[in-house]
Amino acid sequence: MCTLTHFALPSDARTTSPLILRIATPDDQTPRFQVVPAGNSFFHIKEKSTGRVRGFREDHNEACALARSLESKIELLANGCLR
């Protein structure tokens, strides 16, 4: 499991499944991506706003890392750093 990322939201805002990771952003505290189980030892990184799968990994830790990476790229784009 990922370290500390499961605690990014208050306990009442967490989902009931321990396998779903919610990445919180500092500005609105609404996660943009979810790591969801998609089979036996297989995880999708799903964009919450569109429902589209943005990536997948066989390892949960790698899926969490990809979700964090996608989140940081969106933040950098929003700040104009990657233009």
PDB file of N, CA and C in Angstrom:
ATOM      1  N   MET A   1       0.835  -1.188   0.000  1.00  0.00           N
ATOM      2  CA  MET A   1       0.000   0.000   0.000  1.00  0.00           C
ATOM      3  C   MET A   1       0.876   1.246   0.000  1.00  0.00           C
ATOM      4  N   CYS A   2       0.318   2.333  -0.430  1.00  0.00           N
ATOM      5  CA  CYS A   2       1.044   3.605  -0.440  1.00  0.00           C
ATOM      6  C   CYS A   2       1.199   4.134   0.979  1.00  0.00           C
ATOM      7  N   THR A   3       2.247   4.881   1.194  1.00  0.00           N
ATOM      8  CA  THR A   3       2.461   5.438   2.516  1.00  0.00           C
ATOM      9  C   THR A   3       1.944   6.859   2.577  1.00  0.00           C
ATOM     10  N   LEU A   4       1.171   7.160   3.573  1.00  0.00           N
ATOM     11  CA  LEU A   4       0.631   8.479   3.880  1.00  0.00           C
ATOM     12  C   LEU A   4      -0.391   9.011   2.885  1.00  0.00           C
ATOM     13  N   THR A   5      -0.486   8.482   1.692  1.00  0.00           N
ATOM     14  CA  THR A   5      -1.433   9.026   0.726  1.00  0.00           C
ATOM     15  C   THR A   5      -2.871   8.677   1.083  1.00  0.00           C
ATOM     16  N   HIS A   6      -3.075   7.610   1.847  1.00  0.00           N
ATOM     17  CA  HIS A   6      -4.430   7.260   2.247  1.00  0.00           C
ATOM     18  C   HIS A   6      -4.975   8.235   3.284  1.00  0.00           C
ATOM     19  N   PHE A   7      -4.108   9.053   3.855  1.00  0.00           N
ATOM     20  CA  PHE A   7      -4.509   9.992   4.881  1.00  0.00           C
ATOM     21  C   PHE A   7      -4.601  11.415   4.344  1.00  0.00           C
ATOM     22  N   ALA A   8      -4.685  11.564   3.014  1.00  0.00           N
ATOM     23  CA  ALA A   8      -4.728  12.886   2.401  1.00  0.00           C
ATOM     24  C   ALA A   8      -6.063  13.588   2.661  1.00  0.00           C
ATOM     25  N   LEU A   9      -7.097  12.839   2.997  1.00  0.00           N
ATOM     26  CA  LEU A   9      -8.418  13.403   3.260  1.00  0.00           C
ATOM     27  C   LEU A   9      -8.829  13.087   4.695  1.00  0.00           C
ATOM     28  N   PRO A  10      -9.749  13.859   5.242  1.00  0.00           N
ATOM     29  CA  PRO A  10     -10.265  13.523   6.572  1.00  0.00           C
ATOM     30  C   PRO A  10     -10.889  12.135   6.579  1.00  0.00           C
ATOM     31  N   SER A  11     -10.914  11.504   7.733  1.00  0.00           N
ATOM     32  CA  SER A  11     -11.394  10.126   7.805  1.00  0.00           C
ATOM     33  C   SER A  11     -12.840   9.973   7.359  1.00  0.00           C
ATOM     34  N   ASP A  12     -13.668  10.983   7.537  1.00  0.00           N
ATOM     35  CA  ASP A  12     -15.057  10.853   7.111  1.00  0.00           C
ATOM     36  C   ASP A  12     -15.205  10.991   5.602  1.00  0.00           C
ATOM     37  N   ALA A  13     -14.190  11.484   4.903  1.00  0.00           N
ATOM     38  CA  ALA A  13     -14.268  11.647   3.456  1.00  0.00           C
ATOM     39  C   ALA A  13     -13.672  10.469   2.706  1.00  0.00           C
ATOM     40  N   ARG A  14     -13.037   9.537   3.415  1.00  0.00           N
ATOM     41  CA  ARG A  14     -12.433   8.393   2.756  1.00  0.00           C
ATOM     42  C   ARG A  14     -13.490   7.408   2.303  1.00  0.00           C
ATOM     43  N   THR A  15     -13.139   6.616   1.296  1.00  0.00           N
ATOM     44  CA  THR A  15     -14.042   5.579   0.822  1.00  0.00           C
ATOM     45  C   THR A  15     -13.950   4.377   1.745  1.00  0.00           C
ATOM     46  N   THR A  16     -14.870   3.453   1.604  1.00  0.00           N
ATOM     47  CA  THR A  16     -14.875   2.278   2.458  1.00  0.00           C
ATOM     48  C   THR A  16     -13.866   1.239   2.003  1.00  0.00           C
ATOM     49  N   SER A  17     -13.463   1.263   0.742  1.00  0.00           N
ATOM     50  CA  SER A  17     -12.507   0.294   0.242  1.00  0.00           C
ATOM     51  C   SER A  17     -11.086   0.759   0.531  1.00  0.00           C
ATOM     52  N   PRO A  18     -10.260  -0.084   1.146  1.00  0.00           N
ATOM     53  CA  PRO A  18      -8.891   0.334   1.428  1.00  0.00           C
ATOM     54  C   PRO A  18      -8.010   0.360   0.188  1.00  0.00           C
ATOM     55  N   LEU A  19      -8.482  -0.170  -0.936  1.00  0.00           N
ATOM     56  CA  LEU A  19      -7.677  -0.207  -2.146  1.00  0.00           C
ATOM     57  C   LEU A  19      -7.817   1.046  -2.998  1.00  0.00           C
ATOM     58  N   ILE A  20      -8.789   1.884  -2.713  1.00  0.00           N
ATOM     59  CA  ILE A  20      -8.999   3.074  -3.529  1.00  0.00           C
ATOM     60  C   ILE A  20      -8.222   4.228  -2.927  1.00  0.00           C
ATOM     61  N   LEU A  21      -7.344   4.798  -3.727  1.00  0.00           N
ATOM     62  CA  LEU A  21      -6.534   5.928  -3.289  1.00  0.00           C
ATOM     63  C   LEU A  21      -7.142   7.205  -3.830  1.00  0.00           C
ATOM     64  N   ARG A  22      -7.299   8.179  -2.986  1.00  0.00           N
ATOM     65  CA  ARG A  22      -7.803   9.478  -3.410  1.00  0.00           C
ATOM     66  C   ARG A  22      -6.677  10.480  -3.222  1.00  0.00           C
ATOM     67  N   ILE A  23      -6.308  11.151  -4.307  1.00  0.00           N
ATOM     68  CA  ILE A  23      -5.262  12.161  -4.249  1.00  0.00           C
ATOM     69  C   ILE A  23      -5.946  13.509  -4.032  1.00  0.00           C
ATOM     70  N   ALA A  24      -5.590  14.198  -2.970  1.00  0.00           N
ATOM     71  CA  ALA A  24      -6.196  15.492  -2.674  1.00  0.00           C
ATOM     72  C   ALA A  24      -5.297  16.621  -3.174  1.00  0.00           C
ATOM     73  N   THR A  25      -5.910  17.646  -3.735  1.00  0.00           N
ATOM     74  CA  THR A  25      -5.163  18.813  -4.180  1.00  0.00           C
ATOM     75  C   THR A  25      -5.237  19.879  -3.104  1.00  0.00           C
ATOM     76  N   PRO A  26      -4.226  20.727  -2.989  1.00  0.00           N
ATOM     77  CA  PRO A  26      -4.217  21.717  -1.914  1.00  0.00           C
ATOM     78  C   PRO A  26      -5.281  22.806  -2.069  1.00  0.00           C
ATOM     79  N   ASP A  27      -5.697  23.117  -3.290  1.00  0.00           N
ATOM     80  CA  ASP A  27      -6.622  24.230  -3.480  1.00  0.00           C
ATOM     81  C   ASP A  27      -8.073  23.886  -3.167  1.00  0.00           C
ATOM     82  N   ASP A  28      -8.566  22.783  -3.663  1.00  0.00           N
ATOM     83  CA  ASP A  28      -9.986  22.477  -3.456  1.00  0.00           C
ATOM     84  C   ASP A  28     -10.234  21.188  -2.681  1.00  0.00           C
ATOM     85  N   GLN A  29      -9.195  20.456  -2.328  1.00  0.00           N
ATOM     86  CA  GLN A  29      -9.291  19.215  -1.568  1.00  0.00           C
ATOM     87  C   GLN A  29     -10.161  18.163  -2.252  1.00  0.00           C
ATOM     88  N   THR A  30     -10.386  18.293  -3.553  1.00  0.00           N
ATOM     89  CA  THR A  30     -11.132  17.296  -4.302  1.00  0.00           C
ATOM     90  C   THR A  30     -10.156  16.498  -5.155  1.00  0.00           C
ATOM     91  N   PRO A  31     -10.119  15.191  -4.987  1.00  0.00           N
ATOM     92  CA  PRO A  31      -9.178  14.389  -5.773  1.00  0.00           C
ATOM     93  C   PRO A  31      -9.570  14.356  -7.238  1.00  0.00           C
ATOM     94  N   ARG A  32      -8.585  14.371  -8.103  1.00  0.00           N
ATOM     95  CA  ARG A  32      -8.844  14.298  -9.540  1.00  0.00           C
ATOM     96  C   ARG A  32      -8.728  12.879 -10.061  1.00  0.00           C
ATOM     97  N   PHE A  33      -7.923  12.058  -9.380  1.00  0.00           N
ATOM     98  CA  PHE A  33      -7.680  10.695  -9.837  1.00  0.00           C
ATOM     99  C   PHE A  33      -7.968   9.706  -8.721  1.00  0.00           C
ATOM    100  N   GLN A  34      -8.408   8.510  -9.129  1.00  0.00           N
ATOM    101  CA  GLN A  34      -8.628   7.414  -8.193  1.00  0.00           C
ATOM    102  C   GLN A  34      -7.868   6.203  -8.696  1.00  0.00           C
ATOM    103  N   VAL A  35      -7.257   5.487  -7.790  1.00  0.00           N
ATOM    104  CA  VAL A  35      -6.649   4.199  -8.111  1.00  0.00           C
ATOM    105  C   VAL A  35      -7.681   3.149  -7.723  1.00  0.00           C
ATOM    106  N   VAL A  36      -8.179   2.432  -8.718  1.00  0.00           N
ATOM    107  CA  VAL A  36      -9.242   1.458  -8.464  1.00  0.00           C
ATOM    108  C   VAL A  36      -8.792   0.069  -8.900  1.00  0.00           C
ATOM    109  N   PRO A  37      -9.154  -0.962  -8.157  1.00  0.00           N
ATOM    110  CA  PRO A  37      -8.808  -2.320  -8.564  1.00  0.00           C
ATOM    111  C   PRO A  37      -9.547  -2.684  -9.838  1.00  0.00           C
ATOM    112  N   ALA A  38      -8.836  -3.327 -10.761  1.00  0.00           N
ATOM    113  CA  ALA A  38      -9.427  -3.679 -12.052  1.00  0.00           C
ATOM    114  C   ALA A  38      -9.170  -5.140 -12.390  1.00  0.00           C
ATOM    115  N   GLY A  39      -8.972  -5.950 -11.403  1.00  0.00           N
ATOM    116  CA  GLY A  39      -8.703  -7.358 -11.632  1.00  0.00           C
ATOM    117  C   GLY A  39      -7.750  -7.872 -10.568  1.00  0.00           C
ATOM    118  N   ASN A  40      -7.243  -9.052 -10.797  1.00  0.00           N
ATOM    119  CA  ASN A  40      -6.323  -9.661  -9.850  1.00  0.00           C
ATOM    120  C   ASN A  40      -4.954  -8.993  -9.988  1.00  0.00           C
ATOM    121  N   SER A  41      -4.549  -8.235  -8.968  1.00  0.00           N
ATOM    122  CA  SER A  41      -3.270  -7.506  -8.958  1.00  0.00           C
ATOM    123  C   SER A  41      -3.144  -6.568 -10.152  1.00  0.00           C
ATOM    124  N   PHE A  42      -4.196  -5.814 -10.429  1.00  0.00           N
ATOM    125  CA  PHE A  42      -4.190  -4.883 -11.553  1.00  0.00           C
ATOM    126  C   PHE A  42      -5.013  -3.664 -11.152  1.00  0.00           C
ATOM    127  N   PHE A  43      -4.513  -2.468 -11.420  1.00  0.00           N
ATOM    128  CA  PHE A  43      -5.159  -1.243 -10.958  1.00  0.00           C
ATOM    129  C   PHE A  43      -5.242  -0.214 -12.076  1.00  0.00           C
ATOM    130  N   HIS A  44      -6.384   0.426 -12.193  1.00  0.00           N
ATOM    131  CA  HIS A  44      -6.575   1.532 -13.126  1.00  0.00           C
ATOM    132  C   HIS A  44      -6.437   2.847 -12.389  1.00  0.00           C
ATOM    133  N   ILE A  45      -5.898   3.847 -13.074  1.00  0.00           N
ATOM    134  CA  ILE A  45      -5.882   5.214 -12.562  1.00  0.00           C
ATOM    135  C   ILE A  45      -6.958   5.942 -13.341  1.00  0.00           C
ATOM    136  N   LYS A  46      -8.041   6.274 -12.653  1.00  0.00           N
ATOM    137  CA  LYS A  46      -9.231   6.809 -13.293  1.00  0.00           C
ATOM    138  C   LYS A  46      -9.388   8.288 -12.977  1.00  0.00           C
ATOM    139  N   GLU A  47      -9.663   9.086 -14.007  1.00  0.00           N
ATOM    140  CA  GLU A  47      -9.940  10.505 -13.806  1.00  0.00           C
ATOM    141  C   GLU A  47     -11.387  10.641 -13.364  1.00  0.00           C
ATOM    142  N   LYS A  48     -11.592  11.276 -12.211  1.00  0.00           N
ATOM    143  CA  LYS A  48     -12.941  11.339 -11.645  1.00  0.00           C
ATOM    144  C   LYS A  48     -13.896  12.184 -12.463  1.00  0.00           C
ATOM    145  N   SER A  49     -13.419  13.280 -13.047  1.00  0.00           N
ATOM    146  CA  SER A  49     -14.323  14.191 -13.743  1.00  0.00           C
ATOM    147  C   SER A  49     -14.898  13.581 -15.020  1.00  0.00           C
ATOM    148  N   THR A  50     -14.111  12.749 -15.713  1.00  0.00           N
ATOM    149  CA  THR A  50     -14.573  12.175 -16.973  1.00  0.00           C
ATOM    150  C   THR A  50     -14.855  10.679 -16.881  1.00  0.00           C
ATOM    151  N   GLY A  51     -14.293  10.021 -15.881  1.00  0.00           N
ATOM    152  CA  GLY A  51     -14.448   8.574 -15.767  1.00  0.00           C
ATOM    153  C   GLY A  51     -13.505   7.798 -16.665  1.00  0.00           C
ATOM    154  N   ARG A  52     -12.620   8.493 -17.370  1.00  0.00           N
ATOM    155  CA  ARG A  52     -11.696   7.841 -18.286  1.00  0.00           C
ATOM    156  C   ARG A  52     -10.497   7.279 -17.535  1.00  0.00           C
ATOM    157  N   VAL A  53     -10.026   6.135 -17.996  1.00  0.00           N
ATOM    158  CA  VAL A  53      -8.835   5.522 -17.415  1.00  0.00           C
ATOM    159  C   VAL A  53      -7.630   6.197 -18.035  1.00  0.00           C
ATOM    160  N   ARG A  54      -6.779   6.766 -17.194  1.00  0.00           N
ATOM    161  CA  ARG A  54      -5.604   7.507 -17.658  1.00  0.00           C
ATOM    162  C   ARG A  54      -4.325   6.695 -17.573  1.00  0.00           C
ATOM    163  N   GLY A  55      -4.394   5.528 -16.970  1.00  0.00           N
ATOM    164  CA  GLY A  55      -3.224   4.661 -16.874  1.00  0.00           C
ATOM    165  C   GLY A  55      -3.562   3.414 -16.101  1.00  0.00           C
ATOM    166  N   PHE A  56      -2.616   2.505 -16.063  1.00  0.00           N
ATOM    167  CA  PHE A  56      -2.823   1.261 -15.323  1.00  0.00           C
ATOM    168  C   PHE A  56      -1.465   0.720 -14.903  1.00  0.00           C
ATOM    169  N   ARG A  57      -1.479  -0.032 -13.841  1.00  0.00           N
ATOM    170  CA  ARG A  57      -0.271  -0.670 -13.315  1.00  0.00           C
ATOM    171  C   ARG A  57      -0.655  -1.991 -12.665  1.00  0.00           C
ATOM    172  N   GLU A  58       0.317  -2.899 -12.596  1.00  0.00           N
ATOM    173  CA  GLU A  58       0.103  -4.181 -11.920  1.00  0.00           C
ATOM    174  C   GLU A  58       0.373  -4.083 -10.428  1.00  0.00           C
ATOM    175  N   ASP A  59       1.128  -3.102 -10.013  1.00  0.00           N
ATOM    176  CA  ASP A  59       1.490  -2.934  -8.612  1.00  0.00           C
ATOM    177  C   ASP A  59       0.746  -1.724  -8.038  1.00  0.00           C
ATOM    178  N   HIS A  60       0.160  -1.869  -6.861  1.00  0.00           N
ATOM    179  CA  HIS A  60      -0.612  -0.788  -6.266  1.00  0.00           C
ATOM    180  C   HIS A  60       0.256   0.431  -5.966  1.00  0.00           C
ATOM    181  N   ASN A  61       1.459   0.213  -5.472  1.00  0.00           N
ATOM    182  CA  ASN A  61       2.349   1.339  -5.187  1.00  0.00           C
ATOM    183  C   ASN A  61       2.708   2.105  -6.461  1.00  0.00           C
ATOM    184  N   GLU A  62       2.950   1.389  -7.545  1.00  0.00           N
ATOM    185  CA  GLU A  62       3.253   2.049  -8.818  1.00  0.00           C
ATOM    186  C   GLU A  62       2.036   2.799  -9.346  1.00  0.00           C
ATOM    187  N   ALA A  63       0.840   2.253  -9.144  1.00  0.00           N
ATOM    188  CA  ALA A  63      -0.383   2.936  -9.558  1.00  0.00           C
ATOM    189  C   ALA A  63      -0.569   4.228  -8.766  1.00  0.00           C
ATOM    190  N   CYS A  64      -0.285   4.177  -7.481  1.00  0.00           N
ATOM    191  CA  CYS A  64      -0.373   5.380  -6.645  1.00  0.00           C
ATOM    192  C   CYS A  64       0.639   6.428  -7.093  1.00  0.00           C
ATOM    193  N   ALA A  65       1.844   5.981  -7.433  1.00  0.00           N
ATOM    194  CA  ALA A  65       2.871   6.902  -7.900  1.00  0.00           C
ATOM    195  C   ALA A  65       2.463   7.550  -9.216  1.00  0.00           C
ATOM    196  N   LEU A  66       1.855   6.787 -10.107  1.00  0.00           N
ATOM    197  CA  LEU A  66       1.389   7.350 -11.373  1.00  0.00           C
ATOM    198  C   LEU A  66       0.271   8.365 -11.140  1.00  0.00           C
ATOM    199  N   ALA A  67      -0.634   8.068 -10.225  1.00  0.00           N
ATOM    200  CA  ALA A  67      -1.714   9.010  -9.910  1.00  0.00           C
ATOM    201  C   ALA A  67      -1.142  10.312  -9.354  1.00  0.00           C
ATOM    202  N   ARG A  68      -0.151  10.214  -8.484  1.00  0.00           N
ATOM    203  CA  ARG A  68       0.492  11.420  -7.959  1.00  0.00           C
ATOM    204  C   ARG A  68       1.203  12.191  -9.062  1.00  0.00           C
ATOM    205  N   SER A  69       1.835  11.481  -9.971  1.00  0.00           N
ATOM    206  CA  SER A  69       2.536  12.121 -11.079  1.00  0.00           C
ATOM    207  C   SER A  69       1.556  12.859 -11.994  1.00  0.00           C
ATOM    208  N   LEU A  70       0.446  12.223 -12.318  1.00  0.00           N
ATOM    209  CA  LEU A  70      -0.568  12.878 -13.152  1.00  0.00           C
ATOM    210  C   LEU A  70      -1.135  14.111 -12.458  1.00  0.00           C
ATOM    211  N   GLU A  71      -1.351  13.994 -11.167  1.00  0.00           N
ATOM    212  CA  GLU A  71      -1.876  15.113 -10.385  1.00  0.00           C
ATOM    213  C   GLU A  71      -0.900  16.290 -10.399  1.00  0.00           C
ATOM    214  N   SER A  72       0.392  16.001 -10.225  1.00  0.00           N
ATOM    215  CA  SER A  72       1.373  17.087 -10.197  1.00  0.00           C
ATOM    216  C   SER A  72       1.514  17.741 -11.569  1.00  0.00           C
ATOM    217  N   LYS A  73       1.385  16.957 -12.642  1.00  0.00           N
ATOM    218  CA  LYS A  73       1.450  17.545 -13.987  1.00  0.00           C
ATOM    219  C   LYS A  73       0.286  18.489 -14.222  1.00  0.00           C
ATOM    220  N   ILE A  74      -0.890  18.139 -13.750  1.00  0.00           N
ATOM    221  CA  ILE A  74      -2.051  19.019 -13.891  1.00  0.00           C
ATOM    222  C   ILE A  74      -1.834  20.296 -13.107  1.00  0.00           C
ATOM    223  N   GLU A  75      -1.280  20.171 -11.907  1.00  0.00           N
ATOM    224  CA  GLU A  75      -0.996  21.368 -11.087  1.00  0.00           C
ATOM    225  C   GLU A  75       0.006  22.267 -11.777  1.00  0.00           C
ATOM    226  N   LEU A  76       1.050  21.674 -12.373  1.00  0.00           N
ATOM    227  CA  LEU A  76       2.057  22.472 -13.075  1.00  0.00           C
ATOM    228  C   LEU A  76       1.455  23.173 -14.300  1.00  0.00           C
ATOM    229  N   LEU A  77       0.583  22.484 -15.008  1.00  0.00           N
ATOM    230  CA  LEU A  77      -0.086  23.104 -16.166  1.00  0.00           C
ATOM    231  C   LEU A  77      -0.964  24.263 -15.718  1.00  0.00           C
ATOM    232  N   ALA A  78      -1.661  24.084 -14.626  1.00  0.00           N
ATOM    233  CA  ALA A  78      -2.560  25.125 -14.121  1.00  0.00           C
ATOM    234  C   ALA A  78      -1.765  26.376 -13.693  1.00  0.00           C
ATOM    235  N   ASN A  79      -0.547  26.153 -13.208  1.00  0.00           N
ATOM    236  CA  ASN A  79       0.284  27.279 -12.783  1.00  0.00           C
ATOM    237  C   ASN A  79       1.089  27.882 -13.918  1.00  0.00           C
ATOM    238  N   GLY A  80       1.002  27.289 -15.108  1.00  0.00           N
ATOM    239  CA  GLY A  80       1.723  27.811 -16.256  1.00  0.00           C
ATOM    240  C   GLY A  80       3.166  27.386 -16.326  1.00  0.00           C
ATOM    241  N   CYS A  81       3.581  26.418 -15.531  1.00  0.00           N
ATOM    242  CA  CYS A  81       4.983  25.994 -15.503  1.00  0.00           C
ATOM    243  C   CYS A  81       5.363  25.089 -16.674  1.00  0.00           C
ATOM    244  N   LEU A  82       4.424  24.392 -17.269  1.00  0.00           N
ATOM    245  CA  LEU A  82       4.733  23.445 -18.355  1.00  0.00           C
ATOM    246  C   LEU A  82       4.298  23.960 -19.713  1.00  0.00           C
ATOM    247  N   ARG A  83       4.108  25.219 -19.879  1.00  0.00           N
ATOM    248  CA  ARG A  83       3.669  25.740 -21.176  1.00  0.00           C
ATOM    249  C   ARG A  83       4.809  26.183 -22.011  1.00  0.00           C
TER     250      ARG A  83
END
